[in-house]
Amino acid sequence: MPDDTKVQVKDRRIGTSGKTPPHFSGIRKLDEEPPPFDVLIGLLLNRDFSVREAWEIPIERVRHYAVYREHTNSWSLKTIRGAMRDDPEIKQIELRNAP
């Protein structure tokens, strides 16, 4: 990523039942120009807070998939599944164990 890229990170932790939460935490000011970020990094965390999955999502794709929720004054983005997993502009980040 270029040095001037603005990044926002959103995460969700897998529940005690092992189910993936339905969406990331709310995103604010998504419809503003200039945008609040260029790329969103979406993390799915295990119960111990280790990273299970990491995704890089360009602002254009966040805007495409997110839905505005008036009662929270924020945009809701589902956790990565379905069409989002198949979207060629959304990239899964390879995870490696630290040395």
N, C-alpha and C. Protein backbone atom coordinates (compact mmCIF):
# COMPACT_ATOMS: atom_id res chain seq x y z
N MET A 1 0.82 -1.17 0.00
CA MET A 1 0.00 0.00 0.00
C MET A 1 0.88 1.25 0.00
N PRO A 2 0.51 2.27 -0.77
CA PRO A 2 1.28 3.52 -0.75
C PRO A 2 1.25 4.16 0.64
N ASP A 3 2.28 4.94 0.95
CA ASP A 3 2.40 5.55 2.28
C ASP A 3 1.25 6.49 2.62
N ASP A 4 0.63 7.12 1.63
CA ASP A 4 -0.43 8.08 1.93
C ASP A 4 -1.82 7.45 1.94
N THR A 5 -1.91 6.14 1.89
CA THR A 5 -3.19 5.43 1.92
C THR A 5 -3.78 5.53 3.32
N LYS A 6 -5.05 5.98 3.39
CA LYS A 6 -5.75 6.05 4.67
C LYS A 6 -6.46 4.71 4.88
N VAL A 7 -6.23 4.11 6.05
CA VAL A 7 -6.76 2.79 6.36
C VAL A 7 -7.67 2.88 7.58
N GLN A 8 -8.80 2.18 7.50
CA GLN A 8 -9.66 2.03 8.66
C GLN A 8 -9.75 0.53 8.94
N VAL A 9 -9.70 0.15 10.21
CA VAL A 9 -9.77 -1.25 10.59
C VAL A 9 -11.05 -1.50 11.36
N LYS A 10 -11.78 -2.52 10.95
CA LYS A 10 -12.99 -2.96 11.65
C LYS A 10 -12.82 -4.43 11.95
N ASP A 11 -13.31 -4.85 13.10
CA ASP A 11 -13.18 -6.27 13.43
C ASP A 11 -14.44 -6.78 14.11
N ARG A 12 -14.53 -8.09 14.15
CA ARG A 12 -15.58 -8.78 14.89
C ARG A 12 -14.98 -10.06 15.43
N ARG A 13 -15.41 -10.41 16.64
CA ARG A 13 -14.92 -11.63 17.28
C ARG A 13 -15.96 -12.73 17.12
N ILE A 14 -15.48 -13.93 16.83
CA ILE A 14 -16.35 -15.09 16.70
C ILE A 14 -17.04 -15.32 18.04
N GLY A 15 -18.34 -15.60 18.02
CA GLY A 15 -19.11 -15.79 19.25
C GLY A 15 -18.79 -17.10 19.95
N THR A 16 -19.31 -17.24 21.15
CA THR A 16 -19.07 -18.46 21.94
C THR A 16 -19.63 -19.69 21.24
N SER A 17 -20.64 -19.50 20.40
CA SER A 17 -21.23 -20.62 19.66
C SER A 17 -20.39 -21.00 18.45
N GLY A 18 -19.36 -20.17 18.13
CA GLY A 18 -18.53 -20.43 16.96
C GLY A 18 -19.06 -19.78 15.70
N LYS A 19 -20.18 -19.07 15.81
CA LYS A 19 -20.76 -18.41 14.64
C LYS A 19 -20.06 -17.10 14.33
N THR A 20 -19.95 -16.80 13.05
CA THR A 20 -19.40 -15.53 12.60
C THR A 20 -20.45 -14.44 12.81
N PRO A 21 -20.08 -13.33 13.43
CA PRO A 21 -21.04 -12.22 13.59
C PRO A 21 -21.54 -11.74 12.23
N PRO A 22 -22.75 -11.18 12.17
CA PRO A 22 -23.33 -10.80 10.88
C PRO A 22 -22.68 -9.60 10.20
N HIS A 23 -22.09 -8.69 10.98
CA HIS A 23 -21.52 -7.49 10.36
C HIS A 23 -20.39 -6.94 11.22
N PHE A 24 -19.58 -6.08 10.59
CA PHE A 24 -18.52 -5.37 11.30
C PHE A 24 -19.15 -4.22 12.09
N SER A 25 -18.38 -3.60 12.96
CA SER A 25 -18.89 -2.44 13.69
C SER A 25 -19.19 -1.31 12.71
N GLY A 26 -20.03 -0.38 13.12
CA GLY A 26 -20.52 0.68 12.24
C GLY A 26 -19.42 1.55 11.66
N ILE A 27 -19.67 2.00 10.44
CA ILE A 27 -18.73 2.86 9.72
C ILE A 27 -19.39 4.23 9.58
N ARG A 28 -18.70 5.24 9.96
CA ARG A 28 -19.25 6.61 9.91
C ARG A 28 -18.65 7.39 8.73
N LYS A 29 -19.44 8.38 8.28
CA LYS A 29 -19.01 9.35 7.25
C LYS A 29 -18.63 8.69 5.92
N LEU A 30 -19.21 7.55 5.64
CA LEU A 30 -18.86 6.82 4.42
C LEU A 30 -19.25 7.58 3.15
N ASP A 31 -20.28 8.42 3.24
CA ASP A 31 -20.76 9.14 2.07
C ASP A 31 -20.10 10.51 1.90
N GLU A 32 -19.13 10.84 2.75
CA GLU A 32 -18.46 12.15 2.65
C GLU A 32 -17.34 12.14 1.62
N GLU A 33 -17.06 13.34 1.10
CA GLU A 33 -15.92 13.53 0.19
C GLU A 33 -15.04 14.60 0.79
N PRO A 34 -13.75 14.43 0.87
CA PRO A 34 -13.06 13.19 0.53
C PRO A 34 -13.46 12.09 1.51
N PRO A 35 -13.35 10.83 1.09
CA PRO A 35 -13.75 9.73 1.96
C PRO A 35 -12.87 9.65 3.20
N PRO A 36 -13.42 9.09 4.29
CA PRO A 36 -12.65 9.02 5.54
C PRO A 36 -11.48 8.03 5.47
N PHE A 37 -11.48 7.15 4.49
CA PHE A 37 -10.40 6.18 4.31
C PHE A 37 -10.37 5.72 2.87
N ASP A 38 -9.26 5.11 2.47
CA ASP A 38 -9.12 4.55 1.12
C ASP A 38 -9.39 3.05 1.10
N VAL A 39 -8.99 2.40 2.19
CA VAL A 39 -9.09 0.94 2.29
C VAL A 39 -9.57 0.58 3.69
N LEU A 40 -10.48 -0.38 3.75
CA LEU A 40 -10.91 -0.91 5.04
C LEU A 40 -10.27 -2.29 5.21
N ILE A 41 -9.69 -2.53 6.36
CA ILE A 41 -9.18 -3.86 6.69
C ILE A 41 -10.21 -4.48 7.62
N GLY A 42 -10.82 -5.56 7.18
CA GLY A 42 -11.82 -6.27 7.97
C GLY A 42 -11.18 -7.50 8.60
N LEU A 43 -11.28 -7.60 9.91
CA LEU A 43 -10.68 -8.72 10.64
C LEU A 43 -11.77 -9.56 11.30
N LEU A 44 -11.66 -10.87 11.18
CA LEU A 44 -12.47 -11.79 11.97
C LEU A 44 -11.54 -12.38 13.01
N LEU A 45 -11.90 -12.22 14.27
CA LEU A 45 -11.04 -12.64 15.38
C LEU A 45 -11.58 -13.91 16.04
N ASN A 46 -10.67 -14.76 16.45
CA ASN A 46 -11.04 -15.93 17.24
C ASN A 46 -11.41 -15.47 18.64
N ARG A 47 -11.91 -16.38 19.47
CA ARG A 47 -12.30 -16.04 20.84
C ARG A 47 -11.12 -15.48 21.64
N ASP A 48 -9.89 -15.93 21.35
CA ASP A 48 -8.71 -15.44 22.07
C ASP A 48 -8.12 -14.17 21.46
N PHE A 49 -8.86 -13.56 20.52
CA PHE A 49 -8.50 -12.33 19.83
C PHE A 49 -7.39 -12.51 18.79
N SER A 50 -6.97 -13.73 18.52
CA SER A 50 -6.04 -13.94 17.41
C SER A 50 -6.84 -13.77 16.10
N VAL A 51 -6.14 -13.43 15.04
CA VAL A 51 -6.81 -13.15 13.76
C VAL A 51 -7.10 -14.45 13.02
N ARG A 52 -8.36 -14.67 12.71
CA ARG A 52 -8.79 -15.84 11.94
C ARG A 52 -8.72 -15.54 10.44
N GLU A 53 -9.25 -14.38 10.05
CA GLU A 53 -9.25 -13.95 8.65
C GLU A 53 -9.01 -12.45 8.60
N ALA A 54 -8.37 -12.00 7.53
CA ALA A 54 -8.15 -10.56 7.31
C ALA A 54 -8.45 -10.27 5.84
N TRP A 55 -9.15 -9.16 5.60
CA TRP A 55 -9.56 -8.79 4.25
C TRP A 55 -9.25 -7.33 3.98
N GLU A 56 -8.84 -7.04 2.76
CA GLU A 56 -8.58 -5.68 2.31
C GLU A 56 -9.70 -5.29 1.35
N ILE A 57 -10.45 -4.23 1.70
CA ILE A 57 -11.62 -3.83 0.93
C ILE A 57 -11.50 -2.37 0.52
N PRO A 58 -11.40 -2.09 -0.78
CA PRO A 58 -11.31 -0.70 -1.24
C PRO A 58 -12.60 0.07 -0.89
N ILE A 59 -12.48 1.36 -0.70
CA ILE A 59 -13.61 2.21 -0.33
C ILE A 59 -14.79 2.05 -1.29
N GLU A 60 -14.52 1.89 -2.58
CA GLU A 60 -15.61 1.76 -3.56
C GLU A 60 -16.44 0.51 -3.28
N ARG A 61 -15.79 -0.57 -2.87
CA ARG A 61 -16.51 -1.82 -2.59
C ARG A 61 -17.23 -1.73 -1.24
N VAL A 62 -16.65 -1.02 -0.28
CA VAL A 62 -17.34 -0.80 1.00
C VAL A 62 -18.63 -0.04 0.72
N ARG A 63 -18.54 1.02 -0.07
CA ARG A 63 -19.73 1.81 -0.41
C ARG A 63 -20.76 0.97 -1.16
N HIS A 64 -20.31 0.05 -1.98
CA HIS A 64 -21.22 -0.80 -2.74
C HIS A 64 -22.00 -1.75 -1.82
N TYR A 65 -21.34 -2.36 -0.87
CA TYR A 65 -21.96 -3.39 -0.03
C TYR A 65 -22.59 -2.86 1.27
N ALA A 66 -22.16 -1.72 1.76
CA ALA A 66 -22.66 -1.22 3.05
C ALA A 66 -24.07 -0.67 2.92
N VAL A 67 -24.80 -0.74 4.02
CA VAL A 67 -26.17 -0.25 4.09
C VAL A 67 -26.25 0.77 5.22
N TYR A 68 -26.89 1.92 4.93
CA TYR A 68 -27.02 2.96 5.95
C TYR A 68 -28.09 2.58 6.97
N ARG A 69 -27.78 2.76 8.25
CA ARG A 69 -28.71 2.49 9.35
C ARG A 69 -28.96 3.81 10.09
N GLU A 70 -30.13 4.38 9.85
CA GLU A 70 -30.45 5.70 10.42
C GLU A 70 -30.40 5.69 11.95
N HIS A 71 -30.88 4.63 12.57
CA HIS A 71 -30.96 4.61 14.04
C HIS A 71 -29.59 4.61 14.72
N THR A 72 -28.53 4.25 13.99
CA THR A 72 -27.17 4.34 14.55
C THR A 72 -26.33 5.41 13.86
N ASN A 73 -26.93 6.05 12.84
CA ASN A 73 -26.22 7.06 12.05
C ASN A 73 -24.87 6.52 11.56
N SER A 74 -24.92 5.30 11.06
CA SER A 74 -23.69 4.67 10.56
C SER A 74 -24.04 3.70 9.43
N TRP A 75 -23.00 3.27 8.76
CA TRP A 75 -23.14 2.31 7.67
C TRP A 75 -22.79 0.92 8.20
N SER A 76 -23.55 -0.07 7.79
CA SER A 76 -23.34 -1.44 8.24
C SER A 76 -22.77 -2.26 7.08
N LEU A 77 -21.65 -2.92 7.33
CA LEU A 77 -21.01 -3.78 6.33
C LEU A 77 -21.00 -5.19 6.87
N LYS A 78 -21.60 -6.10 6.12
CA LYS A 78 -21.62 -7.50 6.53
C LYS A 78 -20.20 -8.05 6.59
N THR A 79 -20.00 -9.02 7.46
CA THR A 79 -18.72 -9.70 7.47
C THR A 79 -18.58 -10.45 6.15
N ILE A 80 -17.37 -10.76 5.75
CA ILE A 80 -17.09 -11.27 4.41
C ILE A 80 -17.71 -12.65 4.20
N ARG A 81 -18.61 -12.72 3.24
CA ARG A 81 -19.25 -13.99 2.86
C ARG A 81 -19.97 -13.79 1.54
N GLY A 82 -20.43 -14.87 0.96
CA GLY A 82 -21.21 -14.81 -0.28
C GLY A 82 -20.50 -14.07 -1.39
N ALA A 83 -21.22 -13.13 -1.99
CA ALA A 83 -20.71 -12.38 -3.14
C ALA A 83 -19.44 -11.61 -2.81
N MET A 84 -19.30 -11.19 -1.57
CA MET A 84 -18.11 -10.43 -1.19
C MET A 84 -16.86 -11.31 -1.29
N ARG A 85 -16.97 -12.59 -0.93
CA ARG A 85 -15.82 -13.51 -1.03
C ARG A 85 -15.39 -13.70 -2.49
N ASP A 86 -16.35 -13.59 -3.40
CA ASP A 86 -16.07 -13.80 -4.81
C ASP A 86 -15.72 -12.51 -5.55
N ASP A 87 -15.82 -11.38 -4.88
CA ASP A 87 -15.53 -10.08 -5.51
C ASP A 87 -14.02 -9.98 -5.74
N PRO A 88 -13.60 -9.82 -7.00
CA PRO A 88 -12.15 -9.78 -7.29
C PRO A 88 -11.43 -8.57 -6.71
N GLU A 89 -12.17 -7.52 -6.32
CA GLU A 89 -11.54 -6.33 -5.75
C GLU A 89 -11.34 -6.45 -4.24
N ILE A 90 -11.96 -7.45 -3.63
CA ILE A 90 -11.79 -7.69 -2.19
C ILE A 90 -10.76 -8.80 -2.05
N LYS A 91 -9.70 -8.50 -1.35
CA LYS A 91 -8.59 -9.46 -1.26
C LYS A 91 -8.41 -9.98 0.15
N GLN A 92 -8.29 -11.32 0.24
CA GLN A 92 -7.98 -11.90 1.54
C GLN A 92 -6.48 -11.70 1.80
N ILE A 93 -6.16 -11.28 3.00
CA ILE A 93 -4.77 -11.05 3.38
C ILE A 93 -4.20 -12.34 3.94
N GLU A 94 -3.05 -12.73 3.40
CA GLU A 94 -2.39 -13.95 3.87
C GLU A 94 -1.87 -13.73 5.29
N LEU A 95 -2.21 -14.66 6.17
CA LEU A 95 -1.74 -14.57 7.54
C LEU A 95 -0.57 -15.49 7.75
N ARG A 96 0.42 -14.99 8.46
CA ARG A 96 1.62 -15.80 8.78
C ARG A 96 1.90 -15.68 10.26
N ASN A 97 2.40 -16.73 10.84
CA ASN A 97 2.81 -16.67 12.24
C ASN A 97 4.08 -15.85 12.37
N ALA A 98 4.16 -15.08 13.42
CA ALA A 98 5.38 -14.30 13.67
C ALA A 98 6.53 -15.24 13.98
N PRO A 99 7.77 -14.86 13.60
CA PRO A 99 8.91 -15.74 13.84
C PRO A 99 9.19 -15.95 15.31
